């Protein structure tokens, strides 16, 4: 393992170490990525310890385990060595991520300005909530927040270059403060 010389702006958070798993150095991780392939396809992962120190690591294997993944890293072969990663954040470089048409990464969407199809400013995407069927955008202006479903029926256009999202005006979606 080596200390990473990478800019934090070039990294994307893809998981967090929960704890060691077993005595052979495996790590139980919570993944923010859709599949284990994200970990395997990365040239290298970057692990950020609670101290803030970032080191580059190589993945030996990753496999699903209940609602988590079990990750084996090069050079981590014991419970004691794995323990130093407890609570660490796992990053990959943005350029190692791949996508299919029409897909966007959360880091690209956070901060987009959201407008109705009529051009009314609604707010900025502050957060994205994963759910079982589709993600939910938390869009806010000041203390007001609206939950917008991330579906094709609602999201009409995403313009990353101009940092804008256009949503349709489905009945009831933007009815604020009405009871």
N, C-alpha and C. Protein backbone atom coordinates (compact mmCIF):
# COMPACT_ATOMS: atom_id res chain seq x y z
N UNK A 1 0.83 -1.18 0.00
CA UNK A 1 0.00 0.00 0.00
C UNK A 1 0.87 1.24 0.00
N UNK A 2 0.44 2.23 -0.73
CA UNK A 2 1.20 3.46 -0.82
C UNK A 2 0.31 4.65 -0.51
N UNK A 3 0.94 5.69 -0.01
CA UNK A 3 0.19 6.92 0.21
C UNK A 3 -0.24 7.46 -1.15
N UNK A 4 -1.48 7.85 -1.25
CA UNK A 4 -2.02 8.30 -2.52
C UNK A 4 -1.64 9.75 -2.79
N UNK A 5 -1.26 10.01 -4.02
CA UNK A 5 -1.00 11.38 -4.47
C UNK A 5 -2.04 11.72 -5.53
N UNK A 6 -3.25 11.85 -5.06
CA UNK A 6 -4.36 12.10 -5.96
C UNK A 6 -5.19 13.24 -5.37
N UNK A 7 -5.75 14.03 -6.25
CA UNK A 7 -6.59 15.14 -5.80
C UNK A 7 -7.95 14.61 -5.34
N UNK A 8 -8.45 15.05 -4.19
CA UNK A 8 -9.76 14.61 -3.72
C UNK A 8 -10.88 14.89 -4.73
N UNK A 9 -10.72 15.91 -5.57
CA UNK A 9 -11.74 16.22 -6.59
C UNK A 9 -11.82 15.15 -7.66
N UNK A 10 -10.77 14.33 -7.78
CA UNK A 10 -10.75 13.27 -8.80
C UNK A 10 -11.32 11.95 -8.29
N UNK A 11 -11.75 11.93 -7.02
CA UNK A 11 -12.22 10.69 -6.41
C UNK A 11 -13.73 10.70 -6.17
N UNK A 12 -14.31 9.50 -6.18
CA UNK A 12 -15.73 9.32 -5.90
C UNK A 12 -15.86 8.29 -4.79
N UNK A 13 -16.65 8.61 -3.78
CA UNK A 13 -16.90 7.69 -2.68
C UNK A 13 -17.76 6.54 -3.17
N UNK A 14 -17.28 5.30 -3.02
CA UNK A 14 -18.04 4.14 -3.47
C UNK A 14 -18.36 3.15 -2.35
N UNK A 15 -17.85 3.40 -1.14
CA UNK A 15 -18.15 2.48 -0.05
C UNK A 15 -17.50 2.89 1.25
N UNK A 16 -17.82 2.11 2.28
CA UNK A 16 -17.29 2.37 3.61
C UNK A 16 -17.02 1.01 4.28
N UNK A 17 -15.90 0.92 4.96
CA UNK A 17 -15.56 -0.32 5.67
C UNK A 17 -16.37 -0.36 6.96
N UNK A 18 -17.10 -1.46 7.15
CA UNK A 18 -17.88 -1.64 8.37
C UNK A 18 -16.97 -2.19 9.47
N UNK A 19 -16.28 -3.30 9.14
CA UNK A 19 -15.40 -3.95 10.11
C UNK A 19 -14.64 -5.08 9.42
N UNK A 20 -13.63 -5.63 10.09
CA UNK A 20 -12.99 -6.83 9.54
C UNK A 20 -13.99 -7.99 9.54
N UNK A 21 -13.75 -8.95 8.64
CA UNK A 21 -14.61 -10.13 8.57
C UNK A 21 -13.71 -11.36 8.55
N UNK A 22 -13.77 -12.14 9.60
CA UNK A 22 -12.92 -13.32 9.69
C UNK A 22 -11.51 -12.96 10.12
N UNK A 23 -10.63 -13.98 10.05
CA UNK A 23 -9.26 -13.78 10.55
C UNK A 23 -8.23 -13.61 9.43
N UNK A 24 -8.68 -13.69 8.17
CA UNK A 24 -7.72 -13.66 7.06
C UNK A 24 -7.59 -12.29 6.39
N UNK A 25 -8.11 -11.23 7.01
CA UNK A 25 -7.90 -9.88 6.49
C UNK A 25 -9.01 -9.33 5.61
N UNK A 26 -10.07 -10.10 5.42
CA UNK A 26 -11.18 -9.57 4.62
C UNK A 26 -11.89 -8.44 5.35
N UNK A 27 -12.49 -7.54 4.56
CA UNK A 27 -13.22 -6.40 5.11
C UNK A 27 -14.69 -6.49 4.72
N UNK A 28 -15.56 -6.28 5.67
CA UNK A 28 -16.99 -6.18 5.38
C UNK A 28 -17.25 -4.72 5.06
N UNK A 29 -17.80 -4.46 3.86
CA UNK A 29 -18.00 -3.08 3.44
C UNK A 29 -19.46 -2.83 3.03
N UNK A 30 -19.88 -1.60 3.23
CA UNK A 30 -21.14 -1.12 2.68
C UNK A 30 -20.78 -0.47 1.36
N UNK A 31 -21.45 -0.90 0.29
CA UNK A 31 -21.14 -0.38 -1.03
C UNK A 31 -22.17 0.66 -1.45
N UNK A 32 -21.69 1.75 -2.03
CA UNK A 32 -22.57 2.75 -2.64
C UNK A 32 -22.63 2.55 -4.15
N UNK A 33 -21.86 1.59 -4.64
CA UNK A 33 -21.84 1.26 -6.06
C UNK A 33 -22.92 0.20 -6.33
N UNK A 34 -23.33 0.10 -7.58
CA UNK A 34 -24.39 -0.84 -7.92
C UNK A 34 -23.91 -2.29 -7.93
N UNK A 35 -22.63 -2.52 -8.19
CA UNK A 35 -22.17 -3.91 -8.25
C UNK A 35 -20.72 -4.02 -7.80
N UNK A 36 -20.32 -5.26 -7.60
CA UNK A 36 -18.94 -5.54 -7.21
C UNK A 36 -17.97 -5.17 -8.33
N UNK A 37 -18.46 -5.12 -9.56
CA UNK A 37 -17.62 -4.79 -10.71
C UNK A 37 -16.93 -3.42 -10.55
N UNK A 38 -17.60 -2.49 -9.88
CA UNK A 38 -17.00 -1.17 -9.68
C UNK A 38 -15.68 -1.29 -8.93
N UNK A 39 -15.63 -2.16 -7.94
CA UNK A 39 -14.41 -2.37 -7.16
C UNK A 39 -13.36 -3.11 -7.98
N UNK A 40 -13.81 -4.12 -8.72
CA UNK A 40 -12.88 -4.93 -9.50
C UNK A 40 -12.32 -4.19 -10.70
N UNK A 41 -13.11 -3.31 -11.30
CA UNK A 41 -12.67 -2.60 -12.50
C UNK A 41 -11.78 -1.40 -12.20
N UNK A 42 -11.68 -1.02 -10.96
CA UNK A 42 -10.82 0.11 -10.59
C UNK A 42 -9.37 -0.31 -10.68
N UNK A 43 -8.56 0.56 -11.27
CA UNK A 43 -7.12 0.27 -11.32
C UNK A 43 -6.58 0.17 -9.90
N UNK A 44 -7.07 1.08 -9.07
CA UNK A 44 -6.70 1.09 -7.66
C UNK A 44 -7.82 1.77 -6.90
N UNK A 45 -7.98 1.37 -5.66
CA UNK A 45 -8.91 2.05 -4.78
C UNK A 45 -8.11 2.95 -3.86
N UNK A 46 -8.78 3.93 -3.31
CA UNK A 46 -8.15 4.83 -2.36
C UNK A 46 -8.95 4.75 -1.07
N UNK A 47 -8.27 4.44 0.00
CA UNK A 47 -8.91 4.26 1.30
C UNK A 47 -8.53 5.43 2.19
N UNK A 48 -9.56 6.09 2.73
CA UNK A 48 -9.33 7.24 3.59
C UNK A 48 -9.66 6.85 5.03
N UNK A 49 -8.64 6.83 5.86
CA UNK A 49 -8.80 6.48 7.27
C UNK A 49 -9.42 7.64 8.02
N UNK A 50 -9.88 7.39 9.23
CA UNK A 50 -10.49 8.44 10.04
C UNK A 50 -9.50 9.58 10.33
N UNK A 51 -8.22 9.29 10.24
CA UNK A 51 -7.19 10.31 10.45
C UNK A 51 -7.11 11.28 9.26
N UNK A 52 -7.75 10.92 8.15
CA UNK A 52 -7.69 11.74 6.94
C UNK A 52 -6.65 11.27 5.96
N UNK A 53 -5.81 10.35 6.38
CA UNK A 53 -4.76 9.81 5.51
C UNK A 53 -5.38 8.95 4.42
N UNK A 54 -4.96 9.17 3.17
CA UNK A 54 -5.47 8.40 2.03
C UNK A 54 -4.35 7.53 1.49
N UNK A 55 -4.66 6.23 1.34
CA UNK A 55 -3.67 5.35 0.74
C UNK A 55 -4.28 4.58 -0.42
N UNK A 56 -3.43 4.29 -1.38
CA UNK A 56 -3.85 3.54 -2.56
C UNK A 56 -3.73 2.06 -2.26
N UNK A 57 -4.77 1.29 -2.61
CA UNK A 57 -4.77 -0.15 -2.36
C UNK A 57 -5.21 -0.89 -3.62
N UNK A 58 -4.83 -2.14 -3.71
CA UNK A 58 -5.20 -3.00 -4.84
C UNK A 58 -6.19 -4.06 -4.34
N UNK A 59 -7.22 -4.29 -5.15
CA UNK A 59 -8.26 -5.26 -4.80
C UNK A 59 -7.84 -6.64 -5.28
N UNK A 60 -7.93 -7.62 -4.37
CA UNK A 60 -7.70 -9.01 -4.75
C UNK A 60 -9.02 -9.67 -5.13
N UNK A 61 -10.05 -9.43 -4.33
CA UNK A 61 -11.36 -10.01 -4.62
C UNK A 61 -12.45 -9.23 -3.90
N UNK A 62 -13.65 -9.38 -4.41
CA UNK A 62 -14.83 -8.80 -3.76
C UNK A 62 -16.01 -9.70 -4.11
N UNK A 63 -16.85 -9.95 -3.11
CA UNK A 63 -18.02 -10.78 -3.35
C UNK A 63 -19.17 -10.33 -2.46
N UNK A 64 -20.40 -10.54 -2.92
CA UNK A 64 -21.55 -10.17 -2.10
C UNK A 64 -21.61 -11.01 -0.84
N UNK A 65 -22.10 -10.40 0.24
CA UNK A 65 -22.30 -11.10 1.51
C UNK A 65 -23.47 -10.43 2.22
N UNK A 66 -24.62 -11.11 2.22
CA UNK A 66 -25.85 -10.55 2.77
C UNK A 66 -26.12 -9.21 2.11
N UNK A 67 -26.22 -8.12 2.84
CA UNK A 67 -26.48 -6.81 2.23
C UNK A 67 -25.20 -6.00 2.02
N UNK A 68 -24.06 -6.63 2.18
CA UNK A 68 -22.77 -5.95 2.06
C UNK A 68 -21.91 -6.68 1.04
N UNK A 69 -20.65 -6.31 0.99
CA UNK A 69 -19.64 -7.02 0.21
C UNK A 69 -18.50 -7.38 1.14
N UNK A 70 -17.79 -8.45 0.78
CA UNK A 70 -16.54 -8.80 1.44
C UNK A 70 -15.42 -8.48 0.47
N UNK A 71 -14.48 -7.67 0.94
CA UNK A 71 -13.40 -7.15 0.11
C UNK A 71 -12.07 -7.64 0.64
N UNK A 72 -11.23 -8.18 -0.26
CA UNK A 72 -9.86 -8.57 0.10
C UNK A 72 -8.90 -7.64 -0.61
N UNK A 73 -7.96 -7.09 0.16
CA UNK A 73 -6.98 -6.16 -0.39
C UNK A 73 -5.59 -6.78 -0.36
N UNK A 74 -4.80 -6.42 -1.34
CA UNK A 74 -3.42 -6.87 -1.39
C UNK A 74 -2.69 -6.39 -0.14
N UNK A 75 -1.97 -7.29 0.53
CA UNK A 75 -1.18 -6.92 1.70
C UNK A 75 -1.93 -6.93 3.02
N UNK A 76 -3.22 -7.20 2.99
CA UNK A 76 -4.01 -7.27 4.23
C UNK A 76 -4.39 -8.73 4.41
N UNK A 77 -3.69 -9.41 5.37
CA UNK A 77 -3.84 -10.85 5.49
C UNK A 77 -4.20 -11.33 6.88
N UNK A 78 -4.47 -10.38 7.79
CA UNK A 78 -4.82 -10.81 9.15
C UNK A 78 -5.90 -9.90 9.72
N UNK A 79 -6.52 -10.36 10.77
CA UNK A 79 -7.53 -9.58 11.46
C UNK A 79 -6.93 -8.26 11.95
N UNK A 80 -5.72 -8.32 12.46
CA UNK A 80 -5.06 -7.13 12.99
C UNK A 80 -4.81 -6.10 11.88
N UNK A 81 -4.36 -6.56 10.73
CA UNK A 81 -4.12 -5.64 9.61
C UNK A 81 -5.44 -5.06 9.10
N UNK A 82 -6.48 -5.87 9.08
CA UNK A 82 -7.80 -5.40 8.61
C UNK A 82 -8.42 -4.40 9.58
N UNK A 83 -8.13 -4.54 10.85
CA UNK A 83 -8.74 -3.67 11.87
C UNK A 83 -8.40 -2.19 11.65
N UNK A 84 -7.24 -1.90 11.08
CA UNK A 84 -6.87 -0.49 10.85
C UNK A 84 -7.77 0.20 9.83
N UNK A 85 -8.56 -0.57 9.07
CA UNK A 85 -9.45 0.00 8.06
C UNK A 85 -10.89 0.18 8.56
N UNK A 86 -11.15 -0.21 9.77
CA UNK A 86 -12.51 -0.07 10.32
C UNK A 86 -12.97 1.39 10.18
N UNK A 87 -14.15 1.59 9.57
CA UNK A 87 -14.72 2.92 9.41
C UNK A 87 -14.15 3.74 8.27
N UNK A 88 -13.19 3.20 7.55
CA UNK A 88 -12.55 3.94 6.46
C UNK A 88 -13.50 4.11 5.27
N UNK A 89 -13.32 5.19 4.54
CA UNK A 89 -14.09 5.43 3.33
C UNK A 89 -13.31 4.88 2.14
N UNK A 90 -14.03 4.32 1.16
CA UNK A 90 -13.40 3.74 -0.02
C UNK A 90 -13.76 4.59 -1.23
N UNK A 91 -12.74 5.02 -1.96
CA UNK A 91 -12.92 5.87 -3.13
C UNK A 91 -12.32 5.20 -4.37
N UNK A 92 -12.81 5.62 -5.51
CA UNK A 92 -12.18 5.25 -6.78
C UNK A 92 -12.04 6.53 -7.60
N UNK A 93 -11.19 6.47 -8.59
CA UNK A 93 -11.03 7.67 -9.43
C UNK A 93 -12.21 7.77 -10.39
N UNK A 94 -12.61 8.99 -10.67
CA UNK A 94 -13.75 9.23 -11.57
C UNK A 94 -13.52 8.60 -12.93
N UNK A 95 -12.27 8.63 -13.41
CA UNK A 95 -12.02 8.10 -14.75
C UNK A 95 -12.07 6.57 -14.83
N UNK A 96 -12.16 5.89 -13.70
CA UNK A 96 -12.27 4.42 -13.74
C UNK A 96 -13.72 3.96 -13.77
N UNK A 97 -14.66 4.90 -13.66
CA UNK A 97 -16.08 4.55 -13.68
C UNK A 97 -16.57 4.49 -15.12
N UNK A 98 -17.47 3.57 -15.37
CA UNK A 98 -18.07 3.49 -16.71
C UNK A 98 -19.58 3.57 -16.56
N UNK A 99 -20.23 3.95 -17.64
CA UNK A 99 -21.68 4.10 -17.61
C UNK A 99 -22.27 3.71 -18.96
N UNK A 100 -23.55 3.44 -18.92
CA UNK A 100 -24.27 3.22 -20.17
C UNK A 100 -25.07 4.48 -20.46
N UNK A 101 -25.60 4.60 -21.64
CA UNK A 101 -26.34 5.79 -22.05
C UNK A 101 -27.46 6.14 -21.09
N UNK A 102 -27.58 7.42 -20.78
CA UNK A 102 -28.66 7.88 -19.91
C UNK A 102 -28.39 7.72 -18.43
N UNK A 103 -27.22 7.22 -18.06
CA UNK A 103 -26.88 7.08 -16.64
C UNK A 103 -26.07 8.29 -16.18
N UNK A 104 -26.28 8.65 -14.92
CA UNK A 104 -25.53 9.75 -14.32
C UNK A 104 -25.03 9.30 -12.96
N UNK A 105 -23.90 9.82 -12.56
CA UNK A 105 -23.38 9.54 -11.23
C UNK A 105 -23.91 10.58 -10.26
N UNK A 106 -24.12 10.17 -9.03
CA UNK A 106 -24.66 11.08 -8.03
C UNK A 106 -23.83 12.35 -7.92
N UNK A 107 -22.51 12.22 -7.94
CA UNK A 107 -21.67 13.41 -7.78
C UNK A 107 -21.91 14.42 -8.90
N UNK A 108 -22.39 13.95 -10.06
CA UNK A 108 -22.70 14.86 -11.16
C UNK A 108 -24.02 15.59 -10.95
N UNK A 109 -24.93 14.96 -10.22
CA UNK A 109 -26.28 15.52 -10.03
C UNK A 109 -26.40 16.43 -8.82
N UNK A 110 -25.64 16.14 -7.76
CA UNK A 110 -25.69 16.98 -6.56
C UNK A 110 -25.28 18.40 -6.96
N UNK A 111 -26.11 19.36 -6.62
CA UNK A 111 -25.82 20.76 -6.93
C UNK A 111 -26.49 21.27 -8.19
N UNK A 112 -27.10 20.38 -9.00
CA UNK A 112 -27.80 20.87 -10.18
C UNK A 112 -28.97 21.76 -9.77
N UNK A 113 -29.23 22.78 -10.55
CA UNK A 113 -30.37 23.66 -10.32
C UNK A 113 -31.57 23.03 -11.04
N UNK A 114 -32.68 22.93 -10.32
CA UNK A 114 -33.87 22.26 -10.86
C UNK A 114 -34.92 23.30 -11.22
N UNK A 115 -35.46 23.15 -12.42
CA UNK A 115 -36.49 24.05 -12.94
C UNK A 115 -37.68 23.22 -13.41
N UNK A 116 -38.87 23.82 -13.32
CA UNK A 116 -40.05 23.19 -13.90
C UNK A 116 -39.98 23.36 -15.41
N UNK A 117 -40.81 22.61 -16.13
CA UNK A 117 -40.85 22.73 -17.59
C UNK A 117 -41.25 24.14 -18.02
N UNK A 118 -41.96 24.86 -17.13
CA UNK A 118 -42.37 26.24 -17.43
C UNK A 118 -41.26 27.25 -17.12
N UNK A 119 -40.12 26.77 -16.61
CA UNK A 119 -38.99 27.65 -16.34
C UNK A 119 -38.92 28.20 -14.93
N UNK A 120 -39.78 27.72 -14.03
CA UNK A 120 -39.79 28.19 -12.64
C UNK A 120 -38.69 27.48 -11.86
N UNK A 121 -37.83 28.26 -11.19
CA UNK A 121 -36.76 27.68 -10.37
C UNK A 121 -37.35 27.02 -9.14
N UNK A 122 -37.00 25.78 -8.91
CA UNK A 122 -37.53 25.02 -7.77
C UNK A 122 -36.51 24.93 -6.65
N UNK A 123 -35.26 24.73 -6.99
CA UNK A 123 -34.22 24.61 -5.98
C UNK A 123 -33.03 23.87 -6.55
N UNK A 124 -32.16 23.45 -5.65
CA UNK A 124 -30.93 22.77 -6.01
C UNK A 124 -30.96 21.37 -5.42
N UNK A 125 -30.42 20.39 -6.15
CA UNK A 125 -30.36 19.04 -5.61
C UNK A 125 -29.34 19.02 -4.48
N UNK A 126 -29.83 18.77 -3.27
CA UNK A 126 -28.97 18.76 -2.08
C UNK A 126 -28.50 17.37 -1.73
N UNK A 127 -29.35 16.39 -2.04
CA UNK A 127 -29.07 15.02 -1.60
C UNK A 127 -29.83 14.07 -2.51
N UNK A 128 -29.39 12.83 -2.57
CA UNK A 128 -30.10 11.79 -3.31
C UNK A 128 -30.32 10.63 -2.36
N UNK A 129 -31.56 10.18 -2.27
CA UNK A 129 -31.93 9.09 -1.38
C UNK A 129 -32.18 7.83 -2.21
N UNK A 130 -31.47 6.75 -1.93
CA UNK A 130 -31.75 5.51 -2.66
C UNK A 130 -32.99 4.84 -2.06
N UNK A 131 -33.83 4.33 -2.92
CA UNK A 131 -35.00 3.56 -2.45
C UNK A 131 -35.03 2.27 -3.24
N UNK A 132 -35.97 1.43 -2.94
CA UNK A 132 -36.04 0.14 -3.62
C UNK A 132 -36.34 0.25 -5.11
N UNK A 133 -37.18 1.19 -5.50
CA UNK A 133 -37.59 1.24 -6.90
C UNK A 133 -36.85 2.32 -7.70
N UNK A 134 -36.76 3.52 -7.17
CA UNK A 134 -36.04 4.60 -7.85
C UNK A 134 -35.47 5.54 -6.80
N UNK A 135 -34.45 6.28 -7.19
CA UNK A 135 -33.85 7.25 -6.27
C UNK A 135 -34.80 8.43 -6.11
N UNK A 136 -34.58 9.19 -5.04
CA UNK A 136 -35.35 10.40 -4.76
C UNK A 136 -34.36 11.56 -4.65
N UNK A 137 -34.63 12.64 -5.40
CA UNK A 137 -33.83 13.86 -5.30
C UNK A 137 -34.41 14.74 -4.20
N UNK A 138 -33.57 15.16 -3.27
CA UNK A 138 -33.97 16.15 -2.27
C UNK A 138 -33.57 17.50 -2.84
N UNK A 139 -34.59 18.27 -3.23
CA UNK A 139 -34.38 19.55 -3.88
C UNK A 139 -34.79 20.65 -2.92
N UNK A 140 -33.92 21.61 -2.72
CA UNK A 140 -34.24 22.64 -1.76
C UNK A 140 -33.78 24.02 -2.15
N UNK A 141 -34.49 24.97 -1.57
CA UNK A 141 -34.15 26.39 -1.68
C UNK A 141 -34.33 26.92 -0.26
N UNK A 142 -33.24 27.32 0.38
CA UNK A 142 -33.33 27.73 1.78
C UNK A 142 -33.68 26.53 2.65
N UNK A 143 -34.67 26.68 3.52
CA UNK A 143 -35.06 25.58 4.40
C UNK A 143 -36.14 24.70 3.79
N UNK A 144 -36.75 25.16 2.69
CA UNK A 144 -37.79 24.39 2.02
C UNK A 144 -37.16 23.25 1.22
N UNK A 145 -37.74 22.06 1.32
CA UNK A 145 -37.26 20.92 0.55
C UNK A 145 -38.44 20.21 -0.10
N UNK A 146 -38.20 19.71 -1.29
CA UNK A 146 -39.18 18.94 -2.04
C UNK A 146 -38.52 17.63 -2.42
N UNK A 147 -39.26 16.54 -2.35
CA UNK A 147 -38.75 15.25 -2.77
C UNK A 147 -39.24 14.98 -4.19
N UNK A 148 -38.30 14.77 -5.09
CA UNK A 148 -38.60 14.57 -6.50
C UNK A 148 -38.18 13.15 -6.89
N UNK A 149 -39.10 12.34 -7.39
CA UNK A 149 -38.70 10.99 -7.82
C UNK A 149 -37.82 11.04 -9.07
N UNK A 150 -36.78 10.25 -9.07
CA UNK A 150 -35.85 10.19 -10.21
C UNK A 150 -36.37 9.18 -11.22
N UNK A 151 -37.44 9.57 -11.92
CA UNK A 151 -38.04 8.71 -12.94
C UNK A 151 -38.11 9.47 -14.26
N UNK A 152 -38.24 8.72 -15.34
CA UNK A 152 -38.32 9.35 -16.67
C UNK A 152 -39.60 10.17 -16.81
N UNK A 153 -40.66 9.81 -16.09
CA UNK A 153 -41.90 10.58 -16.13
C UNK A 153 -41.71 11.98 -15.57
N UNK A 154 -40.83 12.11 -14.59
CA UNK A 154 -40.64 13.39 -13.91
C UNK A 154 -39.45 14.15 -14.49
N UNK A 155 -38.31 13.52 -14.59
CA UNK A 155 -37.09 14.19 -15.07
C UNK A 155 -37.11 14.21 -16.59
N UNK A 156 -37.21 15.40 -17.14
CA UNK A 156 -37.30 15.55 -18.60
C UNK A 156 -35.95 15.83 -19.25
N UNK A 157 -35.08 16.53 -18.55
CA UNK A 157 -33.79 16.88 -19.16
C UNK A 157 -32.75 17.07 -18.06
N UNK A 158 -31.56 16.55 -18.32
CA UNK A 158 -30.41 16.81 -17.46
C UNK A 158 -29.32 17.41 -18.33
N UNK A 159 -28.90 18.60 -17.96
CA UNK A 159 -27.88 19.34 -18.71
C UNK A 159 -26.70 19.58 -17.76
N UNK A 160 -25.73 18.65 -17.80
CA UNK A 160 -24.60 18.75 -16.89
C UNK A 160 -23.73 19.96 -17.20
N UNK A 161 -23.60 20.29 -18.47
CA UNK A 161 -22.75 21.42 -18.86
C UNK A 161 -23.25 22.73 -18.24
N UNK A 162 -24.56 22.92 -18.22
CA UNK A 162 -25.14 24.14 -17.65
C UNK A 162 -25.67 23.93 -16.23
N UNK A 163 -25.43 22.75 -15.67
CA UNK A 163 -25.80 22.42 -14.28
C UNK A 163 -27.29 22.65 -14.02
N UNK A 164 -28.12 22.10 -14.94
CA UNK A 164 -29.57 22.28 -14.85
C UNK A 164 -30.30 20.96 -15.03
N UNK A 165 -31.45 20.85 -14.38
CA UNK A 165 -32.37 19.74 -14.58
C UNK A 165 -33.76 20.34 -14.79
N UNK A 166 -34.46 19.79 -15.76
CA UNK A 166 -35.83 20.22 -16.03
C UNK A 166 -36.75 19.06 -15.64
N UNK A 167 -37.80 19.38 -14.85
CA UNK A 167 -38.75 18.34 -14.46
C UNK A 167 -40.14 18.70 -14.96
N UNK A 168 -40.94 17.67 -15.16
CA UNK A 168 -42.32 17.91 -15.59
C UNK A 168 -43.14 18.36 -14.39
N UNK A 169 -44.25 18.96 -14.70
CA UNK A 169 -45.13 19.48 -13.64
C UNK A 169 -46.28 18.50 -13.42
N UNK A 170 -45.97 17.32 -12.91
CA UNK A 170 -47.00 16.33 -12.64
C UNK A 170 -47.92 16.84 -11.54
N UNK A 171 -49.19 16.54 -11.67
CA UNK A 171 -50.18 17.01 -10.70
C UNK A 171 -49.79 16.58 -9.28
N UNK A 172 -49.76 17.54 -8.38
CA UNK A 172 -49.47 17.28 -6.98
C UNK A 172 -48.00 17.29 -6.62
N UNK A 173 -47.12 17.18 -7.62
CA UNK A 173 -45.69 17.09 -7.34
C UNK A 173 -45.13 18.34 -6.68
N UNK A 174 -45.55 19.51 -7.15
CA UNK A 174 -44.99 20.76 -6.64
C UNK A 174 -45.98 21.54 -5.80
N UNK A 175 -47.03 20.89 -5.33
CA UNK A 175 -48.01 21.57 -4.48
C UNK A 175 -47.44 21.71 -3.08
N UNK A 176 -46.87 22.88 -2.81
CA UNK A 176 -46.23 23.12 -1.53
C UNK A 176 -47.20 23.78 -0.56
N UNK A 177 -47.04 23.45 0.68
CA UNK A 177 -47.79 24.08 1.78
C UNK A 177 -49.30 24.03 1.57
N UNK A 178 -49.77 23.02 0.88
CA UNK A 178 -51.21 22.86 0.71
C UNK A 178 -51.64 21.61 1.44
N UNK A 179 -52.70 21.73 2.24
CA UNK A 179 -53.17 20.56 2.97
C UNK A 179 -54.65 20.44 2.84
